[in-house]
C-alpha atoms as a PDB file:
ATOM      1  CA  MET A   1    -191.346 -44.092  14.850  1.00  0.00           C
ATOM      2  CA  PRO A   2    -191.019 -45.190  18.483  1.00  0.00           C
ATOM      3  CA  THR A   3    -188.064 -47.361  19.438  1.00  0.00           C
ATOM      4  CA  PRO A   4    -189.021 -51.030  18.972  1.00  0.00           C
ATOM      5  CA  THR A   5    -188.934 -53.458  21.880  1.00  0.00           C
ATOM      6  CA  PRO A   6    -185.998 -55.888  21.932  1.00  0.00           C
ATOM      7  CA  SER A   7    -188.305 -58.691  20.773  1.00  0.00           C
ATOM      8  CA  LYS A   8    -189.633 -56.632  17.857  1.00  0.00           C
ATOM      9  CA  LEU A   9    -186.148 -55.369  16.964  1.00  0.00           C
ATOM     10  CA  LYS A  10    -184.865 -58.965  16.867  1.00  0.00           C
ATOM     11  CA  LYS A  11    -187.578 -59.882  14.357  1.00  0.00           C
ATOM     12  CA  ILE A  12    -186.832 -56.783  12.264  1.00  0.00           C
ATOM     13  CA  LEU A  13    -183.102 -57.572  12.181  1.00  0.00           C
ATOM     14  CA  ILE A  14    -183.753 -61.143  11.066  1.00  0.00           C
ATOM     15  CA  GLN A  15    -186.032 -59.828   8.294  1.00  0.00           C
ATOM     16  CA  GLN A  16    -183.170 -57.549   7.213  1.00  0.00           C
ATOM     17  CA  GLY A  17    -180.847 -60.539   6.843  1.00  0.00           C
ATOM     18  CA  PHE A  18    -178.912 -60.268  10.114  1.00  0.00           C
ATOM     19  CA  GLU A  19    -178.223 -63.473  12.019  1.00  0.00           C
ATOM     20  CA  VAL A  20    -178.983 -63.200  15.731  1.00  0.00           C
ATOM     21  CA  TYR A  21    -176.742 -64.905  18.272  1.00  0.00           C
ATOM     22  CA  ARG A  22    -178.880 -64.118  21.345  1.00  0.00           C
ATOM     23  CA  THR A  23    -180.748 -61.404  23.197  1.00  0.00           C
ATOM     24  CA  LEU A  24    -179.448 -59.986  26.489  1.00  0.00           C
ATOM     25  CA  GLY A  25    -181.892 -57.524  28.015  1.00  0.00           C
ATOM     26  CA  ASP A  26    -182.155 -54.573  25.611  1.00  0.00           C
ATOM     27  CA  ARG A  27    -179.300 -55.829  23.390  1.00  0.00           C
ATOM     28  CA  ILE A  28    -179.582 -58.116  20.386  1.00  0.00           C
ATOM     29  CA  LEU A  29    -176.182 -59.724  19.771  1.00  0.00           C
ATOM     30  CA  LEU A  30    -175.427 -60.565  16.169  1.00  0.00           C
ATOM     31  CA  ALA A  31    -173.814 -63.811  15.102  1.00  0.00           C
ATOM     32  CA  ASP A  32    -170.720 -64.417  13.052  1.00  0.00           C
ATOM     33  CA  ARG A  33    -171.083 -67.605  10.996  1.00  0.00           C
ATOM     34  CA  VAL A  34    -167.722 -69.352  11.216  1.00  0.00           C
ATOM     35  CA  ARG A  35    -168.850 -72.462   9.312  1.00  0.00           C
ATOM     36  CA  ASP A  36    -172.188 -73.698   8.023  1.00  0.00           C
ATOM     37  CA  ASN A  37    -172.911 -75.367  11.328  1.00  0.00           C
ATOM     38  CA  LEU A  38    -171.117 -73.013  13.728  1.00  0.00           C
ATOM     39  CA  ILE A  39    -172.024 -69.496  14.789  1.00  0.00           C
ATOM     40  CA  MET A  40    -170.256 -67.313  17.322  1.00  0.00           C
ATOM     41  CA  ASP A  41    -170.870 -63.976  19.023  1.00  0.00           C
ATOM     42  CA  SER A  42    -169.685 -61.324  16.537  1.00  0.00           C
ATOM     43  CA  GLY A  43    -168.961 -58.642  19.132  1.00  0.00           C
ATOM     44  CA  VAL A  44    -171.640 -56.458  17.526  1.00  0.00           C
ATOM     45  CA  SER A  45    -175.062 -55.768  18.975  1.00  0.00           C
ATOM     46  CA  ALA A  46    -178.093 -53.602  18.364  1.00  0.00           C
ATOM     47  CA  VAL A  47    -179.306 -51.726  21.430  1.00  0.00           C
ATOM     48  CA  ALA A  48    -183.057 -51.151  21.676  1.00  0.00           C
ATOM     49  CA  ALA A  49    -183.261 -48.942  24.751  1.00  0.00           C
ATOM     50  CA  PRO A  50    -183.077 -46.341  26.048  1.00  0.00           C
ATOM     51  CA  GLU A  51    -182.360 -45.347  22.442  1.00  0.00           C
ATOM     52  CA  LEU A  52    -181.335 -47.152  19.263  1.00  0.00           C
ATOM     53  CA  ALA A  53    -177.597 -47.725  19.148  1.00  0.00           C
ATOM     54  CA  VAL A  54    -174.875 -50.065  17.943  1.00  0.00           C
ATOM     55  CA  GLN A  55    -172.341 -51.609  20.304  1.00  0.00           C
ATOM     56  CA  LEU A  56    -168.974 -52.904  19.172  1.00  0.00           C
ATOM     57  CA  VAL A  57    -166.651 -54.963  21.393  1.00  0.00           C
ATOM     58  CA  VAL A  58    -162.936 -55.180  20.567  1.00  0.00           C
ATOM     59  CA  ARG A  59    -160.392 -57.154  22.528  1.00  0.00           C
ATOM     60  CA  THR A  60    -156.819 -58.190  23.113  1.00  0.00           C
ATOM     61  CA  GLN A  61    -156.002 -61.699  24.266  1.00  0.00           C
ATOM     62  CA  ALA A  62    -153.348 -61.626  26.991  1.00  0.00           C
ATOM     63  CA  HIS A  63    -151.847 -64.896  25.760  1.00  0.00           C
ATOM     64  CA  ASP A  64    -150.740 -63.120  22.561  1.00  0.00           C
ATOM     65  CA  PHE A  65    -148.779 -60.466  24.515  1.00  0.00           C
ATOM     66  CA  PRO A  66    -147.164 -62.114  27.553  1.00  0.00           C
ATOM     67  CA  GLY A  67    -145.939 -59.716  30.200  1.00  0.00           C
ATOM     68  CA  GLU A  68    -147.823 -56.655  28.917  1.00  0.00           C
ATOM     69  CA  SER A  69    -149.683 -54.571  31.449  1.00  0.00           C
ATOM     70  CA  GLU A  70    -153.458 -54.513  31.557  1.00  0.00           C
ATOM     71  CA  GLU A  71    -153.493 -50.897  30.346  1.00  0.00           C
ATOM     72  CA  LYS A  72    -151.311 -51.723  27.321  1.00  0.00           C
ATOM     73  CA  LEU A  73    -153.614 -54.623  26.477  1.00  0.00           C
ATOM     74  CA  PHE A  74    -156.649 -52.322  26.628  1.00  0.00           C
ATOM     75  CA  ASP A  75    -154.795 -49.752  24.497  1.00  0.00           C
ATOM     76  CA  ARG A  76    -154.123 -52.400  21.838  1.00  0.00           C
ATOM     77  CA  ALA A  77    -157.846 -53.130  21.729  1.00  0.00           C
ATOM     78  CA  ARG A  78    -158.701 -49.416  21.563  1.00  0.00           C
ATOM     79  CA  ARG A  79    -156.443 -48.978  18.529  1.00  0.00           C
ATOM     80  CA  LEU A  80    -158.684 -51.408  16.626  1.00  0.00           C
ATOM     81  CA  ALA A  81    -161.567 -48.964  17.088  1.00  0.00           C
ATOM     82  CA  HIS A  82    -159.700 -45.840  15.918  1.00  0.00           C
ATOM     83  CA  LYS A  83    -161.715 -45.473  12.693  1.00  0.00           C
ATOM     84  CA  SER A  84    -164.914 -46.283  14.567  1.00  0.00           C
ATOM     85  CA  MET A  85    -164.244 -43.453  17.017  1.00  0.00           C
ATOM     86  CA  GLU A  86    -163.818 -41.086  14.063  1.00  0.00           C
ATOM     87  CA  ARG A  87    -167.243 -42.329  12.960  1.00  0.00           C
ATOM     88  CA  GLY A  88    -168.821 -41.349  16.302  1.00  0.00           C
ATOM     89  CA  TYR A  89    -168.364 -44.418  18.490  1.00  0.00           C
ATOM     90  CA  VAL A  90    -167.495 -43.689  22.127  1.00  0.00           C
ATOM     91  CA  GLU A  91    -166.015 -45.983  24.733  1.00  0.00           C
ATOM     92  CA  VAL A  92    -168.624 -47.085  27.262  1.00  0.00           C
ATOM     93  CA  GLU A  93    -167.028 -49.966  29.138  1.00  0.00           C
ATOM     94  CA  THR A  94    -163.965 -52.124  29.689  1.00  0.00           C
ATOM     95  CA  ALA A  95    -163.891 -55.676  30.994  1.00  0.00           C
ATOM     96  CA  VAL A  96    -161.354 -58.330  31.915  1.00  0.00           C
ATOM     97  CA  VAL A  97    -162.824 -61.677  30.862  1.00  0.00           C
ATOM     98  CA  PRO A  98    -161.174 -64.941  31.920  1.00  0.00           C
ATOM     99  CA  ILE A  99    -161.614 -67.737  29.384  1.00  0.00           C
ATOM    100  CA  HIS A 100    -161.941 -71.007  31.258  1.00  0.00           C
ATOM    101  CA  ASP A 101    -161.168 -74.485  30.011  1.00  0.00           C
ATOM    102  CA  PRO A 102    -164.581 -76.022  29.216  1.00  0.00           C
ATOM    103  CA  GLY A 103    -163.365 -79.355  30.614  1.00  0.00           C
ATOM    104  CA  ASP A 104    -161.899 -77.868  33.815  1.00  0.00           C
ATOM    105  CA  ARG A 105    -163.463 -74.605  35.025  1.00  0.00           C
ATOM    106  CA  THR A 106    -160.606 -74.118  37.514  1.00  0.00           C
ATOM    107  CA  ARG A 107    -158.134 -73.729  34.634  1.00  0.00           C
ATOM    108  CA  THR A 108    -157.901 -70.380  32.806  1.00  0.00           C
ATOM    109  CA  LEU A 109    -156.860 -70.675  29.163  1.00  0.00           C
ATOM    110  CA  ASP A 110    -156.563 -66.962  28.429  1.00  0.00           C
ATOM    111  CA  ILE A 111    -157.723 -63.553  29.610  1.00  0.00           C
ATOM    112  CA  TRP A 112    -159.423 -61.157  27.220  1.00  0.00           C
ATOM    113  CA  HIS A 113    -159.235 -57.399  27.707  1.00  0.00           C
ATOM    114  CA  GLU A 114    -162.384 -56.035  26.086  1.00  0.00           C
ATOM    115  CA  VAL A 115    -163.372 -52.469  25.270  1.00  0.00           C
ATOM    116  CA  THR A 116    -166.978 -51.721  24.356  1.00  0.00           C
ATOM    117  CA  PHE A 117    -167.843 -48.786  22.087  1.00  0.00           C
ATOM    118  CA  GLN A 118    -171.295 -47.461  21.296  1.00  0.00           C
ATOM    119  CA  ARG A 119    -172.838 -45.141  18.711  1.00  0.00           C
ATOM    120  CA  GLY A 120    -176.419 -43.893  18.823  1.00  0.00           C
ATOM    121  CA  VAL A 121    -178.445 -43.929  15.602  1.00  0.00           C
ATOM    122  CA  ALA A 122    -181.446 -41.872  14.511  1.00  0.00           C
ATOM    123  CA  ASP A 123    -183.559 -44.585  12.901  1.00  0.00           C
ATOM    124  CA  LEU A 124    -183.682 -48.175  11.677  1.00  0.00           C
ATOM    125  CA  ALA A 125    -182.042 -47.378   8.329  1.00  0.00           C
ATOM    126  CA  GLU A 126    -179.019 -45.909  10.103  1.00  0.00           C
ATOM    127  CA  LEU A 127    -179.012 -48.865  12.510  1.00  0.00           C
ATOM    128  CA  TYR A 128    -178.739 -51.348   9.623  1.00  0.00           C
ATOM    129  CA  GLU A 129    -175.920 -49.308   8.053  1.00  0.00           C
ATOM    130  CA  GLU A 130    -173.957 -49.136  11.325  1.00  0.00           C
ATOM    131  CA  LEU A 131    -174.472 -52.816  12.099  1.00  0.00           C
ATOM    132  CA  ARG A 132    -173.070 -53.731   8.682  1.00  0.00           C
ATOM    133  CA  TYR A 133    -170.127 -51.388   9.245  1.00  0.00           C
ATOM    134  CA  ALA A 134    -169.436 -52.805  12.732  1.00  0.00           C
ATOM    135  CA  MET A 135    -169.583 -56.396  11.476  1.00  0.00           C
ATOM    136  CA  GLY A 136    -166.641 -55.554   9.193  1.00  0.00           C
ATOM    137  CA  VAL A 137    -164.419 -54.075  11.922  1.00  0.00           C
ATOM    138  CA  GLU A 138    -161.437 -56.170  13.078  1.00  0.00           C
ATOM    139  CA  LYS A 139    -162.285 -57.069  16.679  1.00  0.00           C
ATOM    140  CA  SER A 140    -159.251 -58.902  17.999  1.00  0.00           C
ATOM    141  CA  ALA A 141    -155.773 -57.384  18.255  1.00  0.00           C
ATOM    142  CA  GLY A 142    -153.098 -59.572  16.770  1.00  0.00           C
ATOM    143  CA  LEU A 143    -149.347 -59.609  16.931  1.00  0.00           C
ATOM    144  CA  HIS A 144    -149.188 -57.229  13.941  1.00  0.00           C
ATOM    145  CA  ASP A 145    -151.208 -54.488  15.721  1.00  0.00           C
END
């Protein structure tokens, strides 16, 4: 079966019971339902091209670890993905993301240090399995990590 377009893949994922947060290019970001009336980006996405894959974003919030270096913050996030790496996920990107005050864009509330991992899949059945797995992964390093 050829790889579905992002639009087609979005429809397929919804039919499979996944809740979509939004589509960004070739990625369909899944939602995490926090309350009945509130959804958030789950940090998990299905990638439609160039090949089917699952992306998983883990992070450390700098506010939780004052004074730690950027590299230590990234390492804390990477530790969350240890079991995922054993499962075949590979690191593909890091990002420093400032979180601005919605009422005052000049004020930074926190800075997230995000690490993105990706794992290619052979077909839609494996995609569904990996998306369900990734949805269950802890994605934010806490003080106990």
